[in-house]
């Protein structure tokens, strides 16, 4: 595992310390790694949504009304 030195603001350090003191994590390092994992997962989800939005935009727009779109969606779901 790579060792890294970082500087924290006092409020962030206090928050990290309190999570460790509350036994939510065994160390600040474990907590920081968990936060990074969560941020990476969130970014992957954002990237996927962005990709889907870009694909939808490229597929064109519809002139169908809301009720027509709803009916089409229902018929596709019901087979």
PDB file of N, CA and C in Angstrom:
ATOM      1  N   UNK A   1       0.850  -1.172   0.000  1.00  0.00           N
ATOM      2  CA  UNK A   1       0.000   0.000   0.000  1.00  0.00           C
ATOM      3  C   UNK A   1       0.896   1.236   0.000  1.00  0.00           C
ATOM      4  N   UNK A   2       0.492   2.228  -0.756  1.00  0.00           N
ATOM      5  CA  UNK A   2       1.274   3.456  -0.862  1.00  0.00           C
ATOM      6  C   UNK A   2       0.947   4.373   0.305  1.00  0.00           C
ATOM      7  N   UNK A   3       1.985   4.936   0.892  1.00  0.00           N
ATOM      8  CA  UNK A   3       1.779   5.905   1.968  1.00  0.00           C
ATOM      9  C   UNK A   3       1.726   7.291   1.369  1.00  0.00           C
ATOM     10  N   UNK A   4       0.826   8.122   1.902  1.00  0.00           N
ATOM     11  CA  UNK A   4       0.632   9.466   1.375  1.00  0.00           C
ATOM     12  C   UNK A   4       0.418  10.414   2.539  1.00  0.00           C
ATOM     13  N   UNK A   5       1.030  11.563   2.465  1.00  0.00           N
ATOM     14  CA  UNK A   5       0.841  12.576   3.489  1.00  0.00           C
ATOM     15  C   UNK A   5      -0.108  13.635   2.933  1.00  0.00           C
ATOM     16  N   UNK A   6      -1.136  13.974   3.705  1.00  0.00           N
ATOM     17  CA  UNK A   6      -2.074  15.016   3.279  1.00  0.00           C
ATOM     18  C   UNK A   6      -2.278  16.012   4.408  1.00  0.00           C
ATOM     19  N   UNK A   7      -2.676  17.209   4.031  1.00  0.00           N
ATOM     20  CA  UNK A   7      -3.011  18.239   5.017  1.00  0.00           C
ATOM     21  C   UNK A   7      -4.520  18.375   5.068  1.00  0.00           C
ATOM     22  N   UNK A   8      -5.049  18.511   6.274  1.00  0.00           N
ATOM     23  CA  UNK A   8      -6.496  18.621   6.465  1.00  0.00           C
ATOM     24  C   UNK A   8      -6.817  19.917   7.187  1.00  0.00           C
ATOM     25  N   UNK A   9      -7.984  20.452   6.888  1.00  0.00           N
ATOM     26  CA  UNK A   9      -8.450  21.578   7.689  1.00  0.00           C
ATOM     27  C   UNK A   9      -8.843  21.037   9.054  1.00  0.00           C
ATOM     28  N   UNK A  10      -8.878  21.913  10.034  1.00  0.00           N
ATOM     29  CA  UNK A  10      -9.210  21.465  11.391  1.00  0.00           C
ATOM     30  C   UNK A  10     -10.597  20.832  11.464  1.00  0.00           C
ATOM     31  N   UNK A  11     -11.631  21.422  10.829  1.00  0.00           N
ATOM     32  CA  UNK A  11     -12.950  20.777  10.894  1.00  0.00           C
ATOM     33  C   UNK A  11     -12.959  19.385  10.249  1.00  0.00           C
ATOM     34  N   UNK A  12     -12.250  19.222   9.144  1.00  0.00           N
ATOM     35  CA  UNK A  12     -12.200  17.903   8.501  1.00  0.00           C
ATOM     36  C   UNK A  12     -11.454  16.899   9.364  1.00  0.00           C
ATOM     37  N   UNK A  13     -10.372  17.325   9.970  1.00  0.00           N
ATOM     38  CA  UNK A  13      -9.621  16.434  10.854  1.00  0.00           C
ATOM     39  C   UNK A  13     -10.470  16.034  12.056  1.00  0.00           C
ATOM     40  N   UNK A  14     -11.190  17.002  12.619  1.00  0.00           N
ATOM     41  CA  UNK A  14     -12.065  16.704  13.767  1.00  0.00           C
ATOM     42  C   UNK A  14     -13.148  15.701  13.371  1.00  0.00           C
ATOM     43  N   UNK A  15     -13.712  15.878  12.175  1.00  0.00           N
ATOM     44  CA  UNK A  15     -14.756  14.960  11.708  1.00  0.00           C
ATOM     45  C   UNK A  15     -14.191  13.551  11.531  1.00  0.00           C
ATOM     46  N   UNK A  16     -13.013  13.450  10.914  1.00  0.00           N
ATOM     47  CA  UNK A  16     -12.377  12.136  10.743  1.00  0.00           C
ATOM     48  C   UNK A  16     -12.104  11.489  12.101  1.00  0.00           C
ATOM     49  N   UNK A  17     -11.544  12.275  13.008  1.00  0.00           N
ATOM     50  CA  UNK A  17     -11.238  11.744  14.343  1.00  0.00           C
ATOM     51  C   UNK A  17     -12.499  11.237  15.040  1.00  0.00           C
ATOM     52  N   UNK A  18     -13.586  11.975  14.908  1.00  0.00           N
ATOM     53  CA  UNK A  18     -14.811  11.563  15.600  1.00  0.00           C
ATOM     54  C   UNK A  18     -15.358  10.254  15.031  1.00  0.00           C
ATOM     55  N   UNK A  19     -15.238  10.029  13.713  1.00  0.00           N
ATOM     56  CA  UNK A  19     -15.690   8.764  13.118  1.00  0.00           C
ATOM     57  C   UNK A  19     -14.853   7.595  13.652  1.00  0.00           C
ATOM     58  N   UNK A  20     -13.562   7.831  13.814  1.00  0.00           N
ATOM     59  CA  UNK A  20     -12.692   6.768  14.335  1.00  0.00           C
ATOM     60  C   UNK A  20     -12.977   6.540  15.823  1.00  0.00           C
ATOM     61  N   UNK A  21     -13.151   7.621  16.567  1.00  0.00           N
ATOM     62  CA  UNK A  21     -13.451   7.498  18.004  1.00  0.00           C
ATOM     63  C   UNK A  21     -14.798   6.807  18.242  1.00  0.00           C
ATOM     64  N   UNK A  22     -15.739   7.016  17.327  1.00  0.00           N
ATOM     65  CA  UNK A  22     -17.052   6.368  17.440  1.00  0.00           C
ATOM     66  C   UNK A  22     -17.021   4.924  16.958  1.00  0.00           C
ATOM     67  N   UNK A  23     -15.835   4.444  16.591  1.00  0.00           N
ATOM     68  CA  UNK A  23     -15.607   3.058  16.147  1.00  0.00           C
ATOM     69  C   UNK A  23     -16.311   2.743  14.818  1.00  0.00           C
ATOM     70  N   UNK A  24     -16.626   3.798  14.028  1.00  0.00           N
ATOM     71  CA  UNK A  24     -17.193   3.555  12.701  1.00  0.00           C
ATOM     72  C   UNK A  24     -16.099   3.036  11.762  1.00  0.00           C
ATOM     73  N   UNK A  25     -14.883   3.477  12.001  1.00  0.00           N
ATOM     74  CA  UNK A  25     -13.713   3.053  11.226  1.00  0.00           C
ATOM     75  C   UNK A  25     -12.574   2.820  12.195  1.00  0.00           C
ATOM     76  N   UNK A  26     -11.647   1.974  11.780  1.00  0.00           N
ATOM     77  CA  UNK A  26     -10.528   1.667  12.675  1.00  0.00           C
ATOM     78  C   UNK A  26      -9.418   2.706  12.582  1.00  0.00           C
ATOM     79  N   UNK A  27      -9.398   3.487  11.493  1.00  0.00           N
ATOM     80  CA  UNK A  27      -8.357   4.506  11.337  1.00  0.00           C
ATOM     81  C   UNK A  27      -8.824   5.572  10.344  1.00  0.00           C
ATOM     82  N   UNK A  28      -8.145   6.707  10.378  1.00  0.00           N
ATOM     83  CA  UNK A  28      -8.438   7.757   9.410  1.00  0.00           C
ATOM     84  C   UNK A  28      -8.156   7.263   7.991  1.00  0.00           C
ATOM     85  N   UNK A  29      -7.121   6.473   7.833  1.00  0.00           N
ATOM     86  CA  UNK A  29      -6.770   5.952   6.506  1.00  0.00           C
ATOM     87  C   UNK A  29      -7.897   5.103   5.936  1.00  0.00           C
ATOM     88  N   UNK A  30      -8.476   4.247   6.768  1.00  0.00           N
ATOM     89  CA  UNK A  30      -9.585   3.406   6.314  1.00  0.00           C
ATOM     90  C   UNK A  30     -10.762   4.283   5.876  1.00  0.00           C
ATOM     91  N   UNK A  31     -11.051   5.322   6.640  1.00  0.00           N
ATOM     92  CA  UNK A  31     -12.149   6.224   6.325  1.00  0.00           C
ATOM     93  C   UNK A  31     -11.883   6.993   5.032  1.00  0.00           C
ATOM     94  N   UNK A  32     -10.679   7.513   4.869  1.00  0.00           N
ATOM     95  CA  UNK A  32     -10.343   8.253   3.657  1.00  0.00           C
ATOM     96  C   UNK A  32     -10.439   7.340   2.439  1.00  0.00           C
ATOM     97  N   UNK A  33      -9.944   6.113   2.555  1.00  0.00           N
ATOM     98  CA  UNK A  33     -10.047   5.162   1.447  1.00  0.00           C
ATOM     99  C   UNK A  33     -11.511   4.867   1.119  1.00  0.00           C
ATOM    100  N   UNK A  34     -12.363   4.735   2.141  1.00  0.00           N
ATOM    101  CA  UNK A  34     -13.782   4.495   1.905  1.00  0.00           C
ATOM    102  C   UNK A  34     -14.432   5.686   1.203  1.00  0.00           C
ATOM    103  N   UNK A  35     -14.093   6.891   1.623  1.00  0.00           N
ATOM    104  CA  UNK A  35     -14.629   8.090   0.977  1.00  0.00           C
ATOM    105  C   UNK A  35     -14.208   8.167  -0.488  1.00  0.00           C
ATOM    106  N   UNK A  36     -12.972   7.805  -0.764  1.00  0.00           N
ATOM    107  CA  UNK A  36     -12.487   7.810  -2.152  1.00  0.00           C
ATOM    108  C   UNK A  36     -13.219   6.757  -2.970  1.00  0.00           C
ATOM    109  N   UNK A  37     -13.422   5.563  -2.405  1.00  0.00           N
ATOM    110  CA  UNK A  37     -14.177   4.519  -3.114  1.00  0.00           C
ATOM    111  C   UNK A  37     -15.592   5.004  -3.442  1.00  0.00           C
ATOM    112  N   UNK A  38     -16.233   5.641  -2.465  1.00  0.00           N
ATOM    113  CA  UNK A  38     -17.586   6.157  -2.686  1.00  0.00           C
ATOM    114  C   UNK A  38     -17.599   7.218  -3.785  1.00  0.00           C
ATOM    115  N   UNK A  39     -16.607   8.106  -3.777  1.00  0.00           N
ATOM    116  CA  UNK A  39     -16.531   9.156  -4.793  1.00  0.00           C
ATOM    117  C   UNK A  39     -16.296   8.550  -6.172  1.00  0.00           C
ATOM    118  N   UNK A  40     -15.454   7.519  -6.248  1.00  0.00           N
ATOM    119  CA  UNK A  40     -15.200   6.860  -7.532  1.00  0.00           C
ATOM    120  C   UNK A  40     -16.462   6.173  -8.047  1.00  0.00           C
ATOM    121  N   UNK A  41     -17.212   5.525  -7.158  1.00  0.00           N
ATOM    122  CA  UNK A  41     -18.450   4.870  -7.552  1.00  0.00           C
ATOM    123  C   UNK A  41     -19.458   5.905  -8.031  1.00  0.00           C
ATOM    124  N   UNK A  42     -19.572   7.003  -7.315  1.00  0.00           N
ATOM    125  CA  UNK A  42     -20.493   8.062  -7.696  1.00  0.00           C
ATOM    126  C   UNK A  42     -20.108   8.633  -9.065  1.00  0.00           C
ATOM    127  N   UNK A  43     -18.813   8.822  -9.305  1.00  0.00           N
ATOM    128  CA  UNK A  43     -18.371   9.353 -10.591  1.00  0.00           C
ATOM    129  C   UNK A  43     -18.688   8.377 -11.719  1.00  0.00           C
ATOM    130  N   UNK A  44     -18.532   7.086 -11.462  1.00  0.00           N
ATOM    131  CA  UNK A  44     -18.866   6.082 -12.481  1.00  0.00           C
ATOM    132  C   UNK A  44     -20.357   6.135 -12.810  1.00  0.00           C
ATOM    133  N   UNK A  45     -21.196   6.320 -11.796  1.00  0.00           N
ATOM    134  CA  UNK A  45     -22.642   6.426 -12.025  1.00  0.00           C
ATOM    135  C   UNK A  45     -22.975   7.691 -12.812  1.00  0.00           C
ATOM    136  N   UNK A  46     -22.319   8.792 -12.487  1.00  0.00           N
ATOM    137  CA  UNK A  46     -22.527  10.045 -13.218  1.00  0.00           C
ATOM    138  C   UNK A  46     -22.100   9.882 -14.671  1.00  0.00           C
ATOM    139  N   UNK A  47     -20.961   9.234 -14.893  1.00  0.00           N
ATOM    140  CA  UNK A  47     -20.482   9.007 -16.260  1.00  0.00           C
ATOM    141  C   UNK A  47     -21.467   8.162 -17.056  1.00  0.00           C
ATOM    142  N   UNK A  48     -22.048   7.148 -16.427  1.00  0.00           N
ATOM    143  CA  UNK A  48     -23.022   6.292 -17.103  1.00  0.00           C
ATOM    144  C   UNK A  48     -24.279   7.091 -17.464  1.00  0.00           C
ATOM    145  N   UNK A  49     -24.758   7.898 -16.548  1.00  0.00           N
ATOM    146  CA  UNK A  49     -25.937   8.732 -16.814  1.00  0.00           C
ATOM    147  C   UNK A  49     -25.637   9.708 -17.949  1.00  0.00           C
ATOM    148  N   UNK A  50     -24.463  10.320 -17.908  1.00  0.00           N
ATOM    149  CA  UNK A  50     -24.075  11.263 -18.965  1.00  0.00           C
ATOM    150  C   UNK A  50     -24.050  10.559 -20.322  1.00  0.00           C
ATOM    151  N   UNK A  51     -23.494   9.354 -20.353  1.00  0.00           N
ATOM    152  CA  UNK A  51     -23.436   8.579 -21.594  1.00  0.00           C
ATOM    153  C   UNK A  51     -24.839   8.284 -22.120  1.00  0.00           C
ATOM    154  N   UNK A  52     -25.742   7.880 -21.222  1.00  0.00           N
ATOM    155  CA  UNK A  52     -27.118   7.593 -21.623  1.00  0.00           C
ATOM    156  C   UNK A  52     -27.824   8.848 -22.121  1.00  0.00           C
ATOM    157  N   UNK A  53     -27.578   9.982 -21.469  1.00  0.00           N
ATOM    158  CA  UNK A  53     -28.190  11.233 -21.914  1.00  0.00           C
ATOM    159  C   UNK A  53     -27.683  11.631 -23.299  1.00  0.00           C
ATOM    160  N   UNK A  54     -26.372  11.490 -23.523  1.00  0.00           N
ATOM    161  CA  UNK A  54     -25.808  11.811 -24.830  1.00  0.00           C
ATOM    162  C   UNK A  54     -26.384  10.905 -25.911  1.00  0.00           C
ATOM    163  N   UNK A  55     -26.527   9.632 -25.596  1.00  0.00           N
ATOM    164  CA  UNK A  55     -27.101   8.683 -26.557  1.00  0.00           C
ATOM    165  C   UNK A  55     -28.545   9.070 -26.868  1.00  0.00           C
ATOM    166  N   UNK A  56     -29.297   9.429 -25.837  1.00  0.00           N
ATOM    167  CA  UNK A  56     -30.699   9.818 -26.033  1.00  0.00           C
ATOM    168  C   UNK A  56     -30.797  11.085 -26.880  1.00  0.00           C
ATOM    169  N   UNK A  57     -29.913  12.044 -26.610  1.00  0.00           N
ATOM    170  CA  UNK A  57     -29.946  13.284 -27.388  1.00  0.00           C
ATOM    171  C   UNK A  57     -29.631  13.027 -28.855  1.00  0.00           C
ATOM    172  N   UNK A  58     -28.715  12.119 -29.122  1.00  0.00           N
ATOM    173  CA  UNK A  58     -28.328  11.806 -30.500  1.00  0.00           C
ATOM    174  C   UNK A  58     -29.402  11.003 -31.233  1.00  0.00           C
ATOM    175  N   UNK A  59     -30.279  10.362 -30.489  1.00  0.00           N
ATOM    176  CA  UNK A  59     -31.306   9.536 -31.126  1.00  0.00           C
ATOM    177  C   UNK A  59     -32.439  10.378 -31.692  1.00  0.00           C
ATOM    178  N   UNK A  60     -32.454  11.659 -31.389  1.00  0.00           N
ATOM    179  CA  UNK A  60     -33.468  12.543 -31.939  1.00  0.00           C
ATOM    180  C   UNK A  60     -34.576  12.842 -30.956  1.00  0.00           C
ATOM    181  N   UNK A  61     -35.443  13.741 -31.370  1.00  0.00           N
ATOM    182  CA  UNK A  61     -36.541  14.175 -30.527  1.00  0.00           C
ATOM    183  C   UNK A  61     -37.854  13.683 -31.101  1.00  0.00           C
ATOM    184  N   UNK A  62     -38.869  13.692 -30.293  1.00  0.00           N
ATOM    185  CA  UNK A  62     -40.180  13.205 -30.712  1.00  0.00           C
ATOM    186  C   UNK A  62     -41.197  14.341 -30.720  1.00  0.00           C
ATOM    187  N   UNK A  63     -42.209  14.174 -31.513  1.00  0.00           N
ATOM    188  CA  UNK A  63     -43.317  15.133 -31.517  1.00  0.00           C
ATOM    189  C   UNK A  63     -44.527  14.548 -30.796  1.00  0.00           C
ATOM    190  N   UNK A  64     -44.351  13.352 -30.226  1.00  0.00           N
ATOM    191  CA  UNK A  64     -45.446  12.700 -29.512  1.00  0.00           C
ATOM    192  C   UNK A  64     -45.804  13.484 -28.255  1.00  0.00           C
ATOM    193  N   UNK A  65     -47.064  13.412 -27.890  1.00  0.00           N
ATOM    194  CA  UNK A  65     -47.528  14.075 -26.662  1.00  0.00           C
ATOM    195  C   UNK A  65     -47.142  13.218 -25.455  1.00  0.00           C
ATOM    196  N   UNK A  66     -47.292  13.799 -24.275  1.00  0.00           N
ATOM    197  CA  UNK A  66     -46.996  13.054 -23.045  1.00  0.00           C
ATOM    198  C   UNK A  66     -47.859  11.807 -22.948  1.00  0.00           C
ATOM    199  N   UNK A  67     -49.137  11.936 -23.267  1.00  0.00           N
ATOM    200  CA  UNK A  67     -50.031  10.781 -23.158  1.00  0.00           C
ATOM    201  C   UNK A  67     -49.660   9.705 -24.184  1.00  0.00           C
ATOM    202  N   UNK A  68     -49.233  10.099 -25.370  1.00  0.00           N
ATOM    203  CA  UNK A  68     -48.804   9.115 -26.373  1.00  0.00           C
ATOM    204  C   UNK A  68     -47.535   8.383 -25.926  1.00  0.00           C
ATOM    205  N   UNK A  69     -46.623   9.143 -25.348  1.00  0.00           N
ATOM    206  CA  UNK A  69     -45.385   8.529 -24.830  1.00  0.00           C
ATOM    207  C   UNK A  69     -45.714   7.563 -23.699  1.00  0.00           C
ATOM    208  N   UNK A  70     -46.631   7.963 -22.815  1.00  0.00           N
ATOM    209  CA  UNK A  70     -47.029   7.100 -21.702  1.00  0.00           C
ATOM    210  C   UNK A  70     -47.661   5.816 -22.219  1.00  0.00           C
ATOM    211  N   UNK A  71     -48.546   5.931 -23.178  1.00  0.00           N
ATOM    212  CA  UNK A  71     -49.188   4.739 -23.761  1.00  0.00           C
ATOM    213  C   UNK A  71     -48.155   3.818 -24.403  1.00  0.00           C
ATOM    214  N   UNK A  72     -47.224   4.383 -25.134  1.00  0.00           N
ATOM    215  CA  UNK A  72     -46.178   3.577 -25.770  1.00  0.00           C
ATOM    216  C   UNK A  72     -45.345   2.869 -24.710  1.00  0.00           C
ATOM    217  N   UNK A  73     -44.987   3.586 -23.658  1.00  0.00           N
ATOM    218  CA  UNK A  73     -44.190   2.988 -22.570  1.00  0.00           C
ATOM    219  C   UNK A  73     -44.939   1.835 -21.928  1.00  0.00           C
ATOM    220  N   UNK A  74     -46.220   2.049 -21.648  1.00  0.00           N
ATOM    221  CA  UNK A  74     -47.028   0.989 -21.032  1.00  0.00           C
ATOM    222  C   UNK A  74     -47.122  -0.228 -21.946  1.00  0.00           C
ATOM    223  N   UNK A  75     -47.315   0.014 -23.241  1.00  0.00           N
ATOM    224  CA  UNK A  75     -47.440  -1.122 -24.156  1.00  0.00           C
ATOM    225  C   UNK A  75     -46.117  -1.892 -24.263  1.00  0.00           C
ATOM    226  N   UNK A  76     -44.999  -1.172 -24.192  1.00  0.00           N
ATOM    227  CA  UNK A  76     -43.700  -1.862 -24.248  1.00  0.00           C
ATOM    228  C   UNK A  76     -43.454  -2.677 -22.977  1.00  0.00           C
ATOM    229  N   UNK A  77     -43.900  -2.139 -21.841  1.00  0.00           N
ATOM    230  CA  UNK A  77     -43.735  -2.873 -20.585  1.00  0.00           C
ATOM    231  C   UNK A  77     -44.613  -4.104 -20.506  1.00  0.00           C
ATOM    232  N   UNK A  78     -45.808  -3.998 -21.053  1.00  0.00           N
ATOM    233  CA  UNK A  78     -46.762  -5.102 -20.985  1.00  0.00           C
ATOM    234  C   UNK A  78     -46.568  -6.142 -22.111  1.00  0.00           C
ATOM    235  N   UNK A  79     -45.674  -5.839 -22.995  1.00  0.00           N
ATOM    236  CA  UNK A  79     -45.351  -6.796 -24.060  1.00  0.00           C
ATOM    237  C   UNK A  79     -46.356  -6.751 -25.122  1.00  0.00           C
TER     238      UNK A  79
END
